[in-house]
Protein backbone atom coordinates (compact mmCIF):
# COMPACT_ATOMS: atom_id res chain seq x y z
CA MET A 1 33.03 49.84 37.72
CA LEU A 2 32.62 53.27 36.26
CA ARG A 3 31.54 54.73 39.77
CA LEU A 4 34.34 52.82 41.64
CA ALA A 5 37.07 54.22 39.11
CA THR A 6 35.54 57.85 39.56
CA PHE A 7 35.74 57.33 43.38
CA PHE A 8 39.36 56.15 43.17
CA ALA A 9 40.30 59.15 40.77
CA ALA A 10 38.66 61.54 43.27
CA LEU A 11 40.45 60.01 46.27
CA ALA A 12 43.75 60.31 44.48
CA LEU A 13 43.10 63.89 43.45
CA THR A 14 42.31 64.77 47.10
CA GLY A 15 45.42 63.17 48.39
CA HIS A 16 47.31 65.18 45.76
CA CYS A 17 45.93 68.28 47.00
CA LEU A 18 46.39 67.50 50.52
CA ALA A 19 50.01 66.88 49.76
CA ASP A 20 50.43 70.15 48.05
CA ALA A 21 48.53 72.07 50.90
CA PRO A 22 50.72 74.53 52.75
CA LYS A 23 51.92 72.82 56.08
CA TYR A 24 53.16 76.21 57.68
CA ASP A 25 51.97 79.68 57.82
CA VAL A 26 55.29 81.07 57.00
CA VAL A 27 58.51 79.67 55.77
CA ILE A 28 61.65 81.84 55.84
CA ARG A 29 64.11 79.93 53.28
CA ASN A 30 67.94 79.92 52.69
CA GLY A 31 68.76 82.59 55.39
CA THR A 32 71.81 82.55 57.41
CA ILE A 33 70.38 81.71 60.98
CA TYR A 34 71.80 83.24 64.10
CA ASP A 35 69.68 81.25 66.54
CA GLY A 36 70.39 83.48 69.74
CA THR A 37 72.56 80.85 71.50
CA GLY A 38 75.90 82.43 70.35
CA GLY A 39 76.53 79.19 68.39
CA LYS A 40 77.87 79.06 64.90
CA SER A 41 75.38 80.33 62.18
CA PHE A 42 74.27 78.10 59.58
CA VAL A 43 72.25 78.32 56.32
CA GLY A 44 68.77 77.09 56.75
CA ASP A 45 64.87 77.72 56.81
CA VAL A 46 62.64 78.68 59.65
CA ALA A 47 59.03 77.65 59.65
CA ILE A 48 56.17 79.41 61.62
CA LYS A 49 52.78 77.93 62.39
CA ASN A 50 50.30 79.96 64.41
CA ASP A 51 52.32 81.73 67.01
CA THR A 52 55.11 79.31 67.25
CA VAL A 53 58.37 78.27 65.48
CA ALA A 54 57.46 74.91 64.00
CA ALA A 55 60.71 74.06 62.62
CA VAL A 56 64.34 75.12 61.97
CA GLY A 57 66.83 73.59 59.59
CA LYS A 58 66.09 72.14 56.09
CA ILE A 59 62.43 72.44 55.52
CA SER A 60 60.52 70.58 52.72
CA GLY A 61 56.80 71.48 53.75
CA LYS A 62 55.35 74.63 52.05
CA GLY A 63 54.33 77.88 53.69
CA ARG A 64 51.31 80.08 52.86
CA ASN A 65 53.83 82.89 53.07
CA GLU A 66 57.21 81.97 51.66
CA ILE A 67 60.12 84.51 52.15
CA ASP A 68 63.57 84.12 50.30
CA ALA A 69 66.03 85.13 52.79
CA THR A 70 69.18 84.27 50.62
CA GLY A 71 72.06 86.40 51.93
CA MET A 72 70.18 87.69 54.94
CA ALA A 73 70.37 87.10 58.56
CA VAL A 74 67.55 85.33 60.40
CA SER A 75 67.45 85.75 64.06
CA PRO A 76 65.28 85.73 67.19
CA GLY A 77 63.62 89.15 67.96
CA PHE A 78 65.64 91.60 70.14
CA ILE A 79 64.84 92.50 73.67
CA ASN A 80 64.99 96.11 75.04
CA MET A 81 66.28 95.55 78.49
CA LEU A 82 65.56 99.11 79.38
CA SER A 83 62.48 100.76 77.68
CA TRP A 84 60.46 103.90 78.51
CA ALA A 85 57.77 103.15 75.81
CA GLU A 86 54.84 102.93 78.29
CA ASP A 87 53.52 106.44 77.32
CA THR A 88 54.76 106.33 73.62
CA LEU A 89 52.90 102.90 73.16
CA LEU A 90 49.70 104.25 74.85
CA TYR A 91 49.69 106.85 71.81
CA ASP A 92 51.16 104.72 69.06
CA GLY A 93 51.25 101.01 69.55
CA ARG A 94 53.15 100.53 66.49
CA SER A 95 56.46 100.87 68.27
CA GLN A 96 58.04 102.17 64.98
CA SER A 97 61.66 103.21 66.19
CA ASP A 98 62.22 99.97 67.87
CA ILE A 99 60.35 97.42 65.85
CA ARG A 100 62.18 98.79 62.75
CA GLN A 101 65.34 97.56 64.51
CA GLY A 102 64.04 94.18 65.25
CA VAL A 103 63.02 94.80 68.92
CA THR A 104 60.07 92.42 69.71
CA LEU A 105 59.94 92.72 73.48
CA GLU A 106 60.03 96.03 75.67
CA ILE A 107 61.03 95.77 79.22
CA PHE A 108 59.73 98.52 81.50
CA GLY A 109 60.42 99.43 85.14
CA GLU A 110 63.75 101.42 85.78
CA GLY A 111 62.54 102.45 89.41
CA ASP A 112 59.36 103.79 88.23
CA SER A 113 56.75 101.38 86.98
CA PRO A 114 53.30 102.28 85.67
CA GLY A 115 51.74 100.51 88.90
CA PRO A 116 50.95 100.10 91.81
CA LEU A 117 49.35 103.48 92.18
CA ASN A 118 47.12 105.19 94.69
CA GLU A 119 44.76 107.93 93.79
CA LYS A 120 47.23 110.79 94.37
CA MET A 121 49.77 108.94 92.11
CA LYS A 122 47.19 108.72 89.50
CA ARG A 123 46.36 112.57 89.57
CA ASP A 124 50.21 113.40 89.62
CA ALA A 125 50.70 111.13 86.64
CA VAL A 126 48.11 112.88 84.53
CA ALA A 127 49.35 116.43 85.80
CA GLY A 128 52.93 115.46 84.72
CA GLN A 129 52.13 114.69 81.17
CA LYS A 130 53.97 116.63 78.63
CA ASP A 131 53.21 116.02 74.82
CA ILE A 132 51.22 112.78 75.18
CA HIS A 133 48.06 112.73 77.24
CA PHE A 134 45.89 109.81 78.51
CA ASP A 135 43.60 108.75 81.27
CA VAL A 136 45.24 106.53 83.95
CA GLU A 137 42.67 103.65 83.86
CA TRP A 138 44.59 101.16 85.83
CA THR A 139 45.81 100.78 89.51
CA THR A 140 48.14 97.72 89.55
CA LEU A 141 51.23 96.88 87.23
CA GLY A 142 49.42 93.83 86.00
CA GLN A 143 46.30 95.92 85.10
CA PHE A 144 48.45 98.47 83.21
CA LEU A 145 50.11 95.58 81.13
CA ASP A 146 46.81 93.87 80.23
CA TYR A 147 45.41 97.37 79.53
CA LEU A 148 48.21 98.34 77.13
CA ALA A 149 48.14 94.97 75.35
CA ALA A 150 44.33 95.17 74.87
CA ARG A 151 44.65 98.73 73.34
CA GLY A 152 47.06 96.97 70.68
CA VAL A 153 50.78 97.04 70.51
CA SER A 154 53.27 95.53 67.89
CA PRO A 155 55.90 94.32 70.24
CA ASN A 156 55.63 92.23 73.44
CA ILE A 157 55.71 94.11 76.68
CA ALA A 158 56.97 93.29 80.18
CA SER A 159 57.91 95.08 83.41
CA PHE A 160 59.79 95.18 86.70
CA VAL A 161 57.91 96.64 89.55
CA GLY A 162 59.60 99.95 90.54
CA ALA A 163 61.08 100.22 94.08
CA THR A 164 60.53 104.07 93.66
CA THR A 165 56.87 103.54 92.86
CA VAL A 166 56.40 101.22 95.81
CA ARG A 167 58.03 103.79 98.16
CA ILE A 168 55.87 106.56 96.90
CA HIS A 169 52.98 104.48 97.30
CA GLU A 170 53.53 104.25 101.12
CA ILE A 171 55.92 107.03 102.03
CA GLY A 172 55.52 109.74 99.32
CA PHE A 173 58.52 111.91 98.56
CA GLN A 174 59.75 112.22 102.20
CA ASN A 175 63.45 111.46 103.27
CA ARG A 176 62.95 108.97 105.80
CA PRO A 177 62.91 105.10 106.34
CA PRO A 178 59.47 103.33 106.17
CA THR A 179 57.85 102.36 109.44
CA PRO A 180 57.51 98.60 110.06
CA ALA A 181 53.83 98.85 108.92
CA GLU A 182 54.87 100.76 105.97
CA LEU A 183 57.78 98.32 104.92
CA ASP A 184 55.26 95.36 105.36
CA ARG A 185 52.85 97.00 102.98
CA MET A 186 55.70 97.65 100.49
CA ARG A 187 56.53 93.91 100.64
CA GLY A 188 52.81 93.26 99.92
CA LEU A 189 52.87 95.39 96.84
CA VAL A 190 55.99 93.71 95.67
CA ARG A 191 54.26 90.30 96.31
CA GLN A 192 51.27 91.39 94.39
CA ALA A 193 53.30 92.64 91.41
CA MET A 194 55.16 89.50 91.22
CA GLU A 195 52.08 87.38 91.24
CA GLU A 196 50.71 89.61 88.36
CA GLY A 197 53.92 88.80 86.47
CA ALA A 198 56.52 91.35 87.31
CA LEU A 199 60.06 90.30 86.38
CA GLY A 200 61.53 91.53 89.55
CA VAL A 201 62.45 94.74 91.42
CA GLY A 202 63.78 97.66 89.60
CA SER A 203 65.57 100.68 91.28
CA SER A 204 66.93 104.12 90.15
CA LEU A 205 68.85 105.25 93.03
CA ILE A 206 70.47 108.54 92.12
CA TYR A 207 66.95 110.27 91.91
CA ALA A 208 64.89 111.53 94.78
CA PRO A 209 62.75 109.94 96.31
CA ALA A 210 64.69 106.68 95.45
CA PHE A 211 67.91 108.34 96.83
CA PHE A 212 66.34 108.16 100.26
CA ALA A 213 66.10 104.35 100.29
CA LYS A 214 68.59 102.65 102.35
CA THR A 215 70.32 99.28 101.40
CA ASP A 216 68.22 97.37 104.10
CA GLU A 217 64.87 98.64 102.61
CA LEU A 218 65.73 97.32 99.08
CA VAL A 219 67.06 94.04 100.37
CA GLU A 220 63.70 93.50 102.05
CA LEU A 221 61.84 94.20 98.74
CA CYS A 222 64.22 91.98 96.87
CA LYS A 223 63.66 89.09 99.32
CA VAL A 224 60.00 89.09 98.30
CA ALA A 225 60.90 89.10 94.48
CA SER A 226 63.45 86.21 95.01
CA LYS A 227 60.61 83.83 96.37
CA TYR A 228 59.19 84.42 93.01
CA ASN A 229 62.33 83.63 90.99
CA GLY A 230 62.60 87.36 90.10
CA ILE A 231 65.70 89.56 89.85
CA TYR A 232 66.94 92.88 91.07
CA ILE A 233 67.79 95.40 88.49
CA SER A 234 69.24 98.76 89.41
CA HIS A 235 70.37 102.17 88.14
CA MET A 236 73.09 102.37 90.79
CA ARG A 237 73.34 104.95 93.51
CA SER A 238 76.33 106.46 91.67
CA GLU A 239 77.64 105.94 88.24
CA GLY A 240 80.46 108.40 89.00
CA ASN A 241 82.41 109.27 91.92
CA ARG A 242 81.10 106.33 94.01
CA LEU A 243 80.78 103.88 91.13
CA LEU A 244 82.63 101.18 92.67
CA GLU A 245 81.11 101.58 96.20
CA SER A 246 77.50 101.50 94.42
CA ALA A 247 78.56 98.28 92.68
CA ASP A 248 79.37 96.84 96.07
CA GLU A 249 75.84 97.70 97.34
CA LEU A 250 74.21 96.01 94.36
CA ILE A 251 76.35 92.91 94.97
CA ASP A 252 75.57 93.10 98.77
CA ILE A 253 71.86 93.23 97.88
CA SER A 254 72.19 90.24 95.51
CA ARG A 255 73.91 88.30 98.33
CA ARG A 256 71.81 89.14 101.16
CA ALA A 257 68.41 88.71 99.19
CA HIS A 258 69.72 85.70 97.29
CA ILE A 259 68.65 87.14 94.12
CA PRO A 260 70.20 87.71 90.65
CA ALA A 261 71.11 91.27 90.02
CA GLU A 262 71.79 93.41 86.96
CA ILE A 263 73.21 96.90 86.48
CA TYR A 264 71.14 99.37 84.30
CA HIS A 265 73.04 101.17 81.56
CA ILE A 266 76.63 100.33 82.91
CA LYS A 267 78.98 103.22 82.63
CA ALA A 268 81.62 105.32 84.31
CA ALA A 269 80.27 108.93 84.22
CA GLY A 270 82.37 111.90 84.32
CA GLN A 271 85.94 112.18 82.78
CA SER A 272 87.64 111.87 86.23
CA ASN A 273 85.80 108.38 86.60
CA TRP A 274 86.58 107.05 83.11
CA GLY A 275 89.51 105.14 84.46
CA LYS A 276 87.33 102.95 86.93
CA MET A 277 85.79 100.76 84.30
CA ASP A 278 88.43 98.16 84.36
CA ALA A 279 88.07 97.95 88.14
CA LEU A 280 84.24 97.67 87.77
CA ILE A 281 84.27 94.92 85.39
CA ALA A 282 86.72 93.11 87.62
CA LYS A 283 84.59 93.54 90.65
CA ILE A 284 81.60 92.07 88.89
CA GLU A 285 83.70 89.16 87.23
CA ALA A 286 84.95 88.30 90.96
CA ALA A 287 81.29 88.47 92.22
CA ARG A 288 80.25 86.11 89.31
CA LYS A 289 83.01 83.67 90.09
CA SER A 290 82.00 83.63 93.79
CA GLY A 291 78.55 82.12 92.50
CA LEU A 292 76.50 85.38 92.34
CA LYS A 293 74.36 86.09 89.09
CA ILE A 294 75.55 89.55 88.39
CA THR A 295 74.91 91.04 84.81
CA ALA A 296 74.38 94.37 83.12
CA ASP A 297 72.77 96.13 80.21
CA MET A 298 74.05 99.29 78.20
CA TYR A 299 73.26 101.70 75.35
CA THR A 300 75.73 102.38 72.82
CA TYR A 301 76.32 106.06 73.22
CA THR A 302 78.67 108.46 75.19
CA ALA A 303 75.61 110.62 76.30
CA ALA A 304 72.95 110.02 78.94
CA GLU A 305 69.43 111.40 79.01
CA THR A 306 67.56 112.09 82.07
CA GLY A 307 66.48 115.33 83.59
CA LEU A 308 67.72 118.43 85.51
CA ASP A 309 67.10 116.63 88.66
CA ALA A 310 70.42 115.00 87.98
CA ALA A 311 72.17 118.45 88.23
CA MET A 312 70.87 119.41 91.65
CA PRO A 313 71.11 117.95 95.09
CA PRO A 314 68.42 115.47 96.39
CA TRP A 315 67.74 117.54 99.29
CA VAL A 316 66.15 120.43 97.36
CA GLN A 317 63.87 117.75 95.62
CA GLU A 318 62.46 116.38 98.87
CA GLY A 319 58.73 116.34 99.02
CA GLY A 320 58.17 116.09 95.25
CA LEU A 321 58.15 118.61 92.30
CA SER A 322 55.95 121.13 93.82
CA GLN A 323 58.35 121.30 96.91
CA TRP A 324 61.31 121.45 94.68
CA ILE A 325 59.95 124.34 92.75
CA ARG A 326 58.95 126.18 95.81
CA ARG A 327 62.45 125.89 97.19
CA LEU A 328 63.96 127.01 93.82
CA ARG A 329 62.04 130.32 94.14
CA ASP A 330 63.90 131.11 97.60
CA PRO A 331 66.96 133.37 96.66
CA GLU A 332 68.93 131.88 99.65
CA ILE A 333 68.13 128.19 98.61
CA ARG A 334 69.01 129.08 94.92
CA GLN A 335 72.48 130.31 96.12
CA ARG A 336 72.89 127.15 98.17
CA VAL A 337 71.94 124.94 95.18
CA LYS A 338 74.31 126.98 92.93
CA VAL A 339 77.30 126.38 95.32
CA GLU A 340 76.46 122.67 95.34
CA MET A 341 75.85 122.36 91.70
CA ASP A 342 79.54 123.68 91.28
CA SER A 343 81.15 121.54 94.16
CA PRO A 344 82.44 118.05 93.60
CA SER A 345 80.72 115.69 96.02
CA ASP A 346 80.63 112.17 96.86
CA LYS A 347 77.15 112.50 98.51
CA TRP A 348 75.05 112.73 95.39
CA GLU A 349 75.36 112.24 91.69
CA ASN A 350 76.05 115.64 89.97
CA PHE A 351 75.64 115.52 86.44
CA PHE A 352 76.19 119.18 85.92
CA LEU A 353 79.78 118.80 86.78
CA ALA A 354 80.12 115.31 85.28
CA ALA A 355 79.30 116.62 81.85
CA GLY A 356 82.33 118.95 82.19
CA SER A 357 80.62 122.09 80.89
CA PRO A 358 77.13 123.60 80.06
CA ASP A 359 77.73 123.29 76.29
CA LYS A 360 77.61 119.38 77.04
CA ILE A 361 74.11 119.57 78.37
CA ILE A 362 71.27 119.65 76.05
CA LEU A 363 67.74 120.40 77.05
CA CYS A 364 65.45 118.16 74.95
CA GLY A 365 62.03 117.99 76.23
CA PHE A 366 59.69 120.73 77.74
CA LYS A 367 56.14 120.65 79.03
CA ASN A 368 55.46 124.24 78.81
CA PRO A 369 54.70 125.51 75.16
CA THR A 370 56.44 128.64 75.54
CA LEU A 371 59.63 126.92 76.19
CA LYS A 372 59.36 124.47 73.22
CA PRO A 373 61.47 126.77 71.07
CA LEU A 374 64.54 126.02 73.23
CA THR A 375 64.26 122.33 72.50
CA GLY A 376 67.56 120.93 71.32
CA LYS A 377 69.67 123.89 72.51
CA THR A 378 72.49 123.50 75.15
CA LEU A 379 72.15 124.91 78.58
CA ALA A 380 75.17 127.17 77.63
CA GLU A 381 73.28 128.56 74.62
CA ILE A 382 70.01 129.17 76.76
CA ALA A 383 72.05 130.98 79.56
CA LYS A 384 73.50 133.20 77.02
CA LEU A 385 70.40 134.12 75.44
CA ARG A 386 68.97 134.83 78.90
CA GLY A 387 72.02 136.69 80.32
CA LYS A 388 72.15 134.45 83.34
CA SER A 389 74.61 131.74 84.72
CA PRO A 390 74.00 128.04 83.64
CA GLU A 391 73.11 127.12 87.14
CA GLU A 392 70.49 129.91 87.51
CA THR A 393 69.09 129.02 84.10
CA ALA A 394 68.66 125.37 85.01
CA MET A 395 66.73 126.31 88.07
CA ASP A 396 64.70 128.76 85.95
CA MET A 397 63.89 125.97 83.61
CA VAL A 398 62.56 123.76 86.23
CA ILE A 399 60.36 126.42 87.62
CA GLU A 400 59.19 127.64 84.25
CA ASP A 401 58.40 124.23 82.81
CA GLY A 402 56.88 122.59 86.00
CA SER A 403 58.92 119.57 85.27
CA ARG A 404 62.32 118.01 85.72
CA VAL A 405 63.00 118.91 82.03
CA ASP A 406 64.41 116.21 79.76
CA THR A 407 68.14 116.52 79.49
CA VAL A 408 71.01 114.87 77.61
CA TYR A 409 74.47 114.98 79.32
CA PHE A 410 77.61 114.02 77.60
CA LEU A 411 79.23 111.84 80.33
CA MET A 412 81.01 108.75 78.90
CA ASP A 413 84.24 107.70 77.03
CA GLU A 414 83.81 106.03 73.73
CA LYS A 415 86.74 103.66 74.64
CA ASN A 416 84.75 102.36 77.47
CA VAL A 417 81.69 102.03 75.46
CA ARG A 418 83.72 99.84 73.18
CA LYS A 419 85.07 98.03 76.12
CA GLU A 420 81.71 97.22 77.61
CA ILE A 421 80.45 96.15 74.16
CA GLN A 422 83.01 93.17 74.31
CA VAL A 423 81.98 91.96 77.80
CA PRO A 424 79.76 88.76 77.37
CA TRP A 425 77.52 89.36 80.24
CA ILE A 426 76.25 92.68 78.98
CA SER A 427 73.00 92.89 77.00
CA PHE A 428 71.42 96.07 75.60
CA GLY A 429 68.68 98.48 76.47
CA SER A 430 67.72 101.98 74.66
CA ASP A 431 66.68 103.64 77.94
CA ALA A 432 64.01 105.39 75.88
CA GLY A 433 60.59 105.46 74.32
CA SER A 434 59.69 103.84 70.86
CA MET A 435 58.26 106.57 68.65
CA ALA A 436 58.14 107.80 65.18
CA PRO A 437 58.95 111.17 63.55
CA GLU A 438 55.32 112.41 63.52
CA GLY A 439 52.60 113.81 65.61
CA PRO A 440 53.45 114.85 69.41
CA PHE A 441 56.78 112.93 69.12
CA LEU A 442 58.12 115.90 66.94
CA LYS A 443 57.52 118.29 69.95
CA SER A 444 60.62 116.88 71.61
CA HIS A 445 64.15 116.24 70.68
CA PRO A 446 65.02 112.70 71.74
CA HIS A 447 68.41 111.05 72.40
CA PRO A 448 69.38 109.20 69.30
CA ARG A 449 69.37 105.97 71.26
CA ALA A 450 65.46 105.84 70.68
CA TYR A 451 65.93 105.16 66.99
CA GLY A 452 69.40 103.69 66.74
CA ASN A 453 70.59 101.66 69.77
CA PHE A 454 70.07 98.25 68.51
CA ALA A 455 70.92 98.66 64.83
CA ARG A 456 74.02 100.16 66.13
CA VAL A 457 75.10 97.08 67.98
CA VAL A 458 74.79 95.00 64.76
CA GLY A 459 75.98 97.64 62.14
CA LYS A 460 78.64 99.72 63.65
CA TYR A 461 80.08 97.68 66.45
CA SER A 462 79.70 94.09 65.11
CA ARG A 463 80.09 94.52 61.28
CA ASP A 464 82.05 97.84 60.93
CA GLU A 465 84.32 97.61 63.90
CA GLN A 466 84.36 93.92 64.54
CA LEU A 467 84.11 94.30 68.21
CA LEU A 468 81.98 90.95 68.51
CA THR A 469 81.06 88.55 66.06
CA LEU A 470 77.40 88.60 64.72
CA GLU A 471 76.66 85.29 66.50
CA GLN A 472 77.83 87.24 69.78
CA ALA A 473 75.86 90.26 68.97
CA VAL A 474 72.55 88.40 68.40
CA HIS A 475 73.05 86.28 71.45
CA ARG A 476 73.63 89.50 73.53
CA LEU A 477 70.43 90.98 72.02
CA SER A 478 68.07 87.94 72.54
CA GLY A 479 69.16 84.84 74.25
CA LEU A 480 71.22 86.47 76.88
CA PRO A 481 68.63 88.78 78.24
CA ALA A 482 65.82 86.08 77.82
CA GLN A 483 68.09 83.79 80.10
CA ASN A 484 68.76 86.56 82.56
CA LEU A 485 65.08 87.40 82.80
CA HIS A 486 64.08 83.62 83.08
CA LEU A 487 61.86 84.11 80.09
CA LYS A 488 60.22 80.88 78.79
CA LYS A 489 60.18 80.13 75.01
CA ARG A 490 61.65 83.60 74.13
CA GLY A 491 64.95 84.75 73.00
CA VAL A 492 66.09 81.58 70.90
CA LEU A 493 65.10 80.32 67.53
CA LYS A 494 64.00 76.68 68.09
CA ARG A 495 61.05 74.57 67.71
CA GLY A 496 58.25 75.24 70.14
CA ASN A 497 59.44 78.70 71.02
CA PHE A 498 57.33 81.78 70.39
CA ALA A 499 57.83 83.06 66.73
CA ASP A 500 59.52 86.40 67.31
CA VAL A 501 61.82 86.52 64.32
CA VAL A 502 63.71 89.15 62.54
CA VAL A 503 65.17 89.09 59.03
CA PHE A 504 67.76 91.72 58.42
CA ASP A 505 70.60 92.58 55.71
CA PRO A 506 73.76 92.11 57.72
CA ALA A 507 75.69 94.20 55.20
CA HIS A 508 73.52 97.06 55.27
CA ILE A 509 71.57 97.34 58.79
CA GLN A 510 72.50 100.88 59.99
CA ASP A 511 71.40 103.49 62.58
CA HIS A 512 70.87 107.14 61.17
CA ALA A 513 69.85 108.98 64.28
CA THR A 514 72.24 111.64 65.53
CA TYR A 515 72.25 114.21 68.40
CA GLU A 516 71.57 116.96 65.94
CA GLN A 517 68.70 114.95 63.81
CA PRO A 518 67.60 112.09 66.17
CA GLN A 519 64.22 111.23 64.57
CA GLN A 520 65.56 109.12 61.79
CA PHE A 521 64.50 105.30 61.47
CA ALA A 522 67.33 102.75 61.21
CA THR A 523 67.47 100.63 58.07
CA GLY A 524 68.40 97.19 57.02
CA VAL A 525 65.54 95.24 58.94
CA LEU A 526 63.42 93.63 56.23
CA HIS A 527 60.80 91.57 58.08
CA VAL A 528 59.72 91.16 61.73
CA PHE A 529 57.31 88.66 63.00
CA VAL A 530 55.95 88.84 66.68
CA ASN A 531 53.95 85.79 67.93
CA GLY A 532 54.03 84.63 64.36
CA VAL A 533 52.42 87.69 62.95
CA GLN A 534 54.17 89.89 60.55
CA VAL A 535 54.72 93.48 61.75
CA ILE A 536 57.43 94.66 59.44
CA LYS A 537 57.30 93.47 55.73
CA ASP A 538 59.97 94.66 53.16
CA GLY A 539 61.11 97.37 55.69
CA GLU A 540 57.68 98.83 56.24
CA HIS A 541 55.18 98.51 59.04
CA THR A 542 52.29 96.32 58.20
CA GLY A 543 49.89 97.83 61.12
CA ALA A 544 49.68 94.64 62.86
CA MET A 545 49.70 94.74 66.71
CA PRO A 546 50.05 91.18 68.03
CA GLY A 547 52.09 91.93 71.09
CA ARG A 548 51.36 90.16 74.33
CA VAL A 549 52.27 90.56 77.90
CA VAL A 550 55.23 88.47 78.77
CA ARG A 551 55.13 87.57 82.47
CA GLY A 552 57.63 86.50 85.12
CA ALA A 553 57.90 83.18 86.79
CA GLY A 554 55.78 84.41 89.66
CA TRP A 555 52.78 84.76 87.70
CA LYS A 556 49.52 83.20 89.29
CA GLY A 557 47.40 83.46 86.33
CA HIS A 558 46.89 80.79 83.65
């Protein structure tokens, strides 16, 4: 009897221990849940088991890690629709400036993508490196994504295949249409990228050699992506003088290729074009009502960042960087370029004129160490220092730096930015890398959007200016882009989805980066989980790098 009593006592104790054992890895309790759908928020709990959201609501089971989120917002991870973090993540996989804002997915591929590459493209990629140096150990887009994830990254990563990259692969930097054989190979490259998990085709049509691609060429590439449920996403041919005509081209491509289309960083560039924003929105609304899936993304600032290539006509850039520099050394060509830089035109996108004056153009990233002291100065300031015209100075900068020179242009109207933020089909992208105020990142002067774009949506524009509710802001940062990209199990907090989760303080989330002092982290994000692993804890990086490749619907893997 004694042995039997001991047995039952032990059994009862075991049952009691099992009942008390943690059921979940993490339970975030008593937060206000913004689930990413745009629906009304509610107070509740979120449970995480392995890499998955195990439950949302009132949760009785315990977690190995319990987080009290009383008074805090709990949301899906944010999606950066336009990221240039490929290089920065190769150097530092922590993705500090974005992950500290709650960004858990970086989307690459604005015209240029990290693959497919041929041998010359690989050599050019190494030669063109500025402050971050690495070997190009991949060839295809899929290989790059796998390579980057294997090195270790904190956020998830995904990419479009760049129409420019595909064009350079087959045609180089020449101003001509592809031959039938070249176009067939370009289609094949898109097909391969889609089967490797690309989200669709991305273009950037103001820049040479993308500028040289005609509409029919883009339609043919998009027809391939459409078969794999991909989308077309574009920095349109003009964001200024031919803004509305360029939107017509994007809509035409969408209709002819039977593909959803998105406008990168929607804007009206140049003061003379600011009044076109209402017409642009109306045009897109009409296309949407006709049955087309047209969307857009934006960054929350009045200045763009690109290069001095956007200040000079495309013809002078034909043949690539070396030919561009060679031409800029020719006195007759320099004079012709100067005249065109100073002349309004509908034939190319002239950011030199669109900015209004050289004191609204900041040179923010050089390759040549001897030019580094000029970082952060305006083109007007540098021209004055050198005793030359701003146009001549811009040409000299390209020659001396051996690059297009990273450049900030003040182009947009804050009233239009506020208007766009209220449009329900516009999501958000930084159009920047993800970095930290340390190491080689300190050698450049980035646009503040690299550190503040997403916190700015939630803090400045939702909480402070009340242009959209917090439910709407979170949806536009998570559920909407996931839906537009056809992503499975991402973008919404619900049982069975991947556990990309953000806990932030809605009363205090804030961007701090400015044009004068851009390298300042945003604050107010307390905890971030990527695939169930905690990357940000109490506002600080844990060092974890659980990021994965997120692949499009055409992926032929397992």
